[in-house]
Amino acid sequence: QVQLVESGGGLVQAGGSLRLSCAGSGRTFMVCNVGWFRQAPGKVREFVAAIKWRNDSSLYADSVKGRFTISRDNAKNTVYLQMNSLKPEDTAVYYCAADRNPQFRLAPSSTWNDYDYWGQGTQVTVSS
């Protein structure tokens, strides 16, 4: 079993930055691929970024490419999402998720139902 706790959300002006953290517990977290997803009010949950457990491959949604960076520190059991040049349309609840079967994938998945464990979410609000 893997437990995930997100932190780092908040209110920021457009053009600002935030860094989200996803702290994982459980002995298998370091061998899970980890993804970030977000959900805005009235919208479906969408993929943001993901990183392989070996930290050697990452994937980004087109809408955040060049602005967001995902990274992980397996010694700290933590995955980060650095968000720069934030826009009002980035406003959402951000969730991290862990995929316990990375051995079946050449790259981290962008599909929410490939992930087995989810955090409770952290709110990010970007004002214009």
C-alpha atoms as a PDB file:
ATOM      1  CA  GLN A   1       0.000   0.000   0.000  1.00  0.00           C
ATOM      2  CA  VAL A   2       1.199   3.523  -0.839  1.00  0.00           C
ATOM      3  CA  GLN A   3      -0.065   6.695   0.797  1.00  0.00           C
ATOM      4  CA  LEU A   4       0.371  10.051  -0.931  1.00  0.00           C
ATOM      5  CA  VAL A   5       0.147  13.530   0.568  1.00  0.00           C
ATOM      6  CA  GLU A   6       0.301  16.664  -1.580  1.00  0.00           C
ATOM      7  CA  SER A   7       1.349  20.078  -0.326  1.00  0.00           C
ATOM      8  CA  GLY A   8       2.451  23.443  -1.660  1.00  0.00           C
ATOM      9  CA  GLY A   9      -0.742  24.716  -3.207  1.00  0.00           C
ATOM     10  CA  GLY A  10      -2.017  28.233  -2.675  1.00  0.00           C
ATOM     11  CA  LEU A  11      -3.009  31.518  -4.236  1.00  0.00           C
ATOM     12  CA  VAL A  12      -0.607  33.185  -6.661  1.00  0.00           C
ATOM     13  CA  GLN A  13      -0.819  35.941  -9.244  1.00  0.00           C
ATOM     14  CA  ALA A  14      -0.540  35.203 -12.931  1.00  0.00           C
ATOM     15  CA  GLY A  15       3.104  34.877 -13.933  1.00  0.00           C
ATOM     16  CA  GLY A  16       4.076  33.605 -10.506  1.00  0.00           C
ATOM     17  CA  SER A  17       5.436  30.254  -9.386  1.00  0.00           C
ATOM     18  CA  LEU A  18       4.565  27.464  -6.988  1.00  0.00           C
ATOM     19  CA  ARG A  19       6.212  24.169  -6.144  1.00  0.00           C
ATOM     20  CA  LEU A  20       3.991  21.252  -5.267  1.00  0.00           C
ATOM     21  CA  SER A  21       5.274  18.281  -3.307  1.00  0.00           C
ATOM     22  CA  CYS A  22       3.964  14.746  -3.202  1.00  0.00           C
ATOM     23  CA  ALA A  23       5.248  12.798  -0.228  1.00  0.00           C
ATOM     24  CA  GLY A  24       4.887   9.048  -0.508  1.00  0.00           C
ATOM     25  CA  SER A  25       4.964   6.454   2.225  1.00  0.00           C
ATOM     26  CA  GLY A  26       5.155   2.725   1.871  1.00  0.00           C
ATOM     27  CA  ARG A  27       8.160   0.699   0.798  1.00  0.00           C
ATOM     28  CA  THR A  28       7.152   0.478  -2.852  1.00  0.00           C
ATOM     29  CA  PHE A  29       6.769   4.201  -3.539  1.00  0.00           C
ATOM     30  CA  MET A  30      10.278   4.572  -4.890  1.00  0.00           C
ATOM     31  CA  VAL A  31       9.575   1.990  -7.606  1.00  0.00           C
ATOM     32  CA  CYS A  32       6.294   3.570  -8.685  1.00  0.00           C
ATOM     33  CA  ASN A  33       5.894   5.914 -11.612  1.00  0.00           C
ATOM     34  CA  VAL A  34       4.256   9.096 -10.343  1.00  0.00           C
ATOM     35  CA  GLY A  35       1.926  11.441 -12.144  1.00  0.00           C
ATOM     36  CA  TRP A  36       0.299  14.797 -11.485  1.00  0.00           C
ATOM     37  CA  PHE A  37      -3.262  15.429 -12.575  1.00  0.00           C
ATOM     38  CA  ARG A  38      -5.557  18.389 -12.061  1.00  0.00           C
ATOM     39  CA  GLN A  39      -9.273  19.035 -12.005  1.00  0.00           C
ATOM     40  CA  ALA A  40     -10.953  22.397 -12.336  1.00  0.00           C
ATOM     41  CA  PRO A  41     -14.587  22.960 -11.302  1.00  0.00           C
ATOM     42  CA  GLY A  42     -16.963  21.480 -13.857  1.00  0.00           C
ATOM     43  CA  LYS A  43     -14.149  19.891 -15.853  1.00  0.00           C
ATOM     44  CA  VAL A  44     -12.769  16.395 -16.148  1.00  0.00           C
ATOM     45  CA  ARG A  45      -9.534  15.420 -14.482  1.00  0.00           C
ATOM     46  CA  GLU A  46      -6.641  16.028 -16.834  1.00  0.00           C
ATOM     47  CA  PHE A  47      -3.060  14.879 -17.030  1.00  0.00           C
ATOM     48  CA  VAL A  48      -0.321  17.359 -16.182  1.00  0.00           C
ATOM     49  CA  ALA A  49       3.018  15.541 -15.905  1.00  0.00           C
ATOM     50  CA  ALA A  50       4.523  12.190 -14.961  1.00  0.00           C
ATOM     51  CA  ILE A  51       7.918  10.732 -14.142  1.00  0.00           C
ATOM     52  CA  LYS A  52       9.316   7.225 -14.171  1.00  0.00           C
ATOM     53  CA  TRP A  53      10.509   5.597 -10.993  1.00  0.00           C
ATOM     54  CA  ARG A  54      14.108   5.601 -12.241  1.00  0.00           C
ATOM     55  CA  ASN A  55      13.882   9.364 -12.756  1.00  0.00           C
ATOM     56  CA  ASP A  56      15.077   8.881 -16.330  1.00  0.00           C
ATOM     57  CA  SER A  57      11.949   9.756 -18.257  1.00  0.00           C
ATOM     58  CA  SER A  58       9.186  12.319 -17.912  1.00  0.00           C
ATOM     59  CA  LEU A  59       6.095  13.342 -19.823  1.00  0.00           C
ATOM     60  CA  TYR A  60       4.160  16.609 -19.950  1.00  0.00           C
ATOM     61  CA  ALA A  61       0.827  17.812 -21.205  1.00  0.00           C
ATOM     62  CA  ASP A  62       1.184  20.279 -24.066  1.00  0.00           C
ATOM     63  CA  SER A  63      -0.531  22.947 -21.996  1.00  0.00           C
ATOM     64  CA  VAL A  64       2.251  22.981 -19.384  1.00  0.00           C
ATOM     65  CA  LYS A  65       5.296  22.044 -21.441  1.00  0.00           C
ATOM     66  CA  GLY A  66       8.068  24.570 -20.940  1.00  0.00           C
ATOM     67  CA  ARG A  67       6.450  26.003 -17.808  1.00  0.00           C
ATOM     68  CA  PHE A  68       6.211  23.033 -15.426  1.00  0.00           C
ATOM     69  CA  THR A  69       8.959  20.642 -14.366  1.00  0.00           C
ATOM     70  CA  ILE A  70       8.477  17.328 -12.602  1.00  0.00           C
ATOM     71  CA  SER A  71      11.264  15.792 -10.549  1.00  0.00           C
ATOM     72  CA  ARG A  72      11.711  13.276  -7.785  1.00  0.00           C
ATOM     73  CA  ASP A  73      14.015  12.619  -4.877  1.00  0.00           C
ATOM     74  CA  ASN A  74      13.739   8.936  -4.082  1.00  0.00           C
ATOM     75  CA  ALA A  75      15.889   9.341  -0.980  1.00  0.00           C
ATOM     76  CA  LYS A  76      13.134  11.584   0.389  1.00  0.00           C
ATOM     77  CA  ASN A  77      10.242   9.635  -1.149  1.00  0.00           C
ATOM     78  CA  THR A  78       9.031  12.877  -2.691  1.00  0.00           C
ATOM     79  CA  VAL A  79       8.001  14.011  -6.153  1.00  0.00           C
ATOM     80  CA  TYR A  80       7.899  17.699  -7.012  1.00  0.00           C
ATOM     81  CA  LEU A  81       6.046  19.779  -9.563  1.00  0.00           C
ATOM     82  CA  GLN A  82       7.689  23.150 -10.161  1.00  0.00           C
ATOM     83  CA  MET A  83       5.163  25.448 -11.796  1.00  0.00           C
ATOM     84  CA  ASN A  84       6.371  28.664 -13.387  1.00  0.00           C
ATOM     85  CA  SER A  85       4.648  31.335 -15.474  1.00  0.00           C
ATOM     86  CA  LEU A  86       1.324  30.337 -14.000  1.00  0.00           C
ATOM     87  CA  LYS A  87      -1.865  31.292 -15.802  1.00  0.00           C
ATOM     88  CA  PRO A  88      -5.445  31.629 -14.521  1.00  0.00           C
ATOM     89  CA  GLU A  89      -6.343  28.519 -16.521  1.00  0.00           C
ATOM     90  CA  ASP A  90      -3.943  26.533 -14.324  1.00  0.00           C
ATOM     91  CA  THR A  91      -6.370  26.995 -11.442  1.00  0.00           C
ATOM     92  CA  ALA A  92      -7.469  23.557 -10.229  1.00  0.00           C
ATOM     93  CA  VAL A  93      -7.083  20.951  -7.546  1.00  0.00           C
ATOM     94  CA  TYR A  94      -3.828  19.130  -8.220  1.00  0.00           C
ATOM     95  CA  TYR A  95      -3.499  15.446  -7.414  1.00  0.00           C
ATOM     96  CA  CYS A  96      -0.499  13.183  -7.412  1.00  0.00           C
ATOM     97  CA  ALA A  97      -0.885   9.519  -8.197  1.00  0.00           C
ATOM     98  CA  ALA A  98       1.330   6.427  -8.153  1.00  0.00           C
ATOM     99  CA  ASP A  99       1.454   3.604 -10.662  1.00  0.00           C
ATOM    100  CA  ARG A 100       2.577   0.399  -8.969  1.00  0.00           C
ATOM    101  CA  ASN A 101       3.266  -1.445 -12.232  1.00  0.00           C
ATOM    102  CA  PRO A 102       5.915   0.620 -14.031  1.00  0.00           C
ATOM    103  CA  GLN A 103       7.611  -2.501 -15.366  1.00  0.00           C
ATOM    104  CA  PHE A 104       4.854  -2.782 -17.989  1.00  0.00           C
ATOM    105  CA  ARG A 105       5.451   0.682 -19.431  1.00  0.00           C
ATOM    106  CA  LEU A 106       8.271   2.108 -21.497  1.00  0.00           C
ATOM    107  CA  ALA A 107       7.215   5.600 -20.462  1.00  0.00           C
ATOM    108  CA  PRO A 108       5.139   7.041 -17.625  1.00  0.00           C
ATOM    109  CA  SER A 109       1.433   7.016 -18.364  1.00  0.00           C
ATOM    110  CA  SER A 110      -0.803  10.022 -18.990  1.00  0.00           C
ATOM    111  CA  THR A 111      -3.958   7.967 -18.387  1.00  0.00           C
ATOM    112  CA  TRP A 112      -5.556   8.405 -14.977  1.00  0.00           C
ATOM    113  CA  ASN A 113      -6.781   4.822 -14.672  1.00  0.00           C
ATOM    114  CA  ASP A 114      -3.242   3.470 -14.992  1.00  0.00           C
ATOM    115  CA  TYR A 115      -2.607   4.868 -11.515  1.00  0.00           C
ATOM    116  CA  ASP A 116      -3.409   2.885  -8.427  1.00  0.00           C
ATOM    117  CA  TYR A 117      -2.948   5.298  -5.541  1.00  0.00           C
ATOM    118  CA  TRP A 118      -4.076   8.911  -5.207  1.00  0.00           C
ATOM    119  CA  GLY A 119      -3.522  11.761  -2.820  1.00  0.00           C
ATOM    120  CA  GLN A 120      -6.235  14.029  -1.454  1.00  0.00           C
ATOM    121  CA  GLY A 121      -5.307  16.968  -3.670  1.00  0.00           C
ATOM    122  CA  THR A 122      -4.039  20.500  -3.130  1.00  0.00           C
ATOM    123  CA  GLN A 123      -5.732  23.646  -4.418  1.00  0.00           C
ATOM    124  CA  VAL A 124      -3.883  25.967  -6.781  1.00  0.00           C
ATOM    125  CA  THR A 125      -5.524  29.290  -7.575  1.00  0.00           C
ATOM    126  CA  VAL A 126      -4.004  31.719 -10.060  1.00  0.00           C
ATOM    127  CA  SER A 127      -5.461  35.210 -10.095  1.00  0.00           C
ATOM    128  CA  SER A 128      -5.365  37.449 -13.151  1.00  0.00           C
END
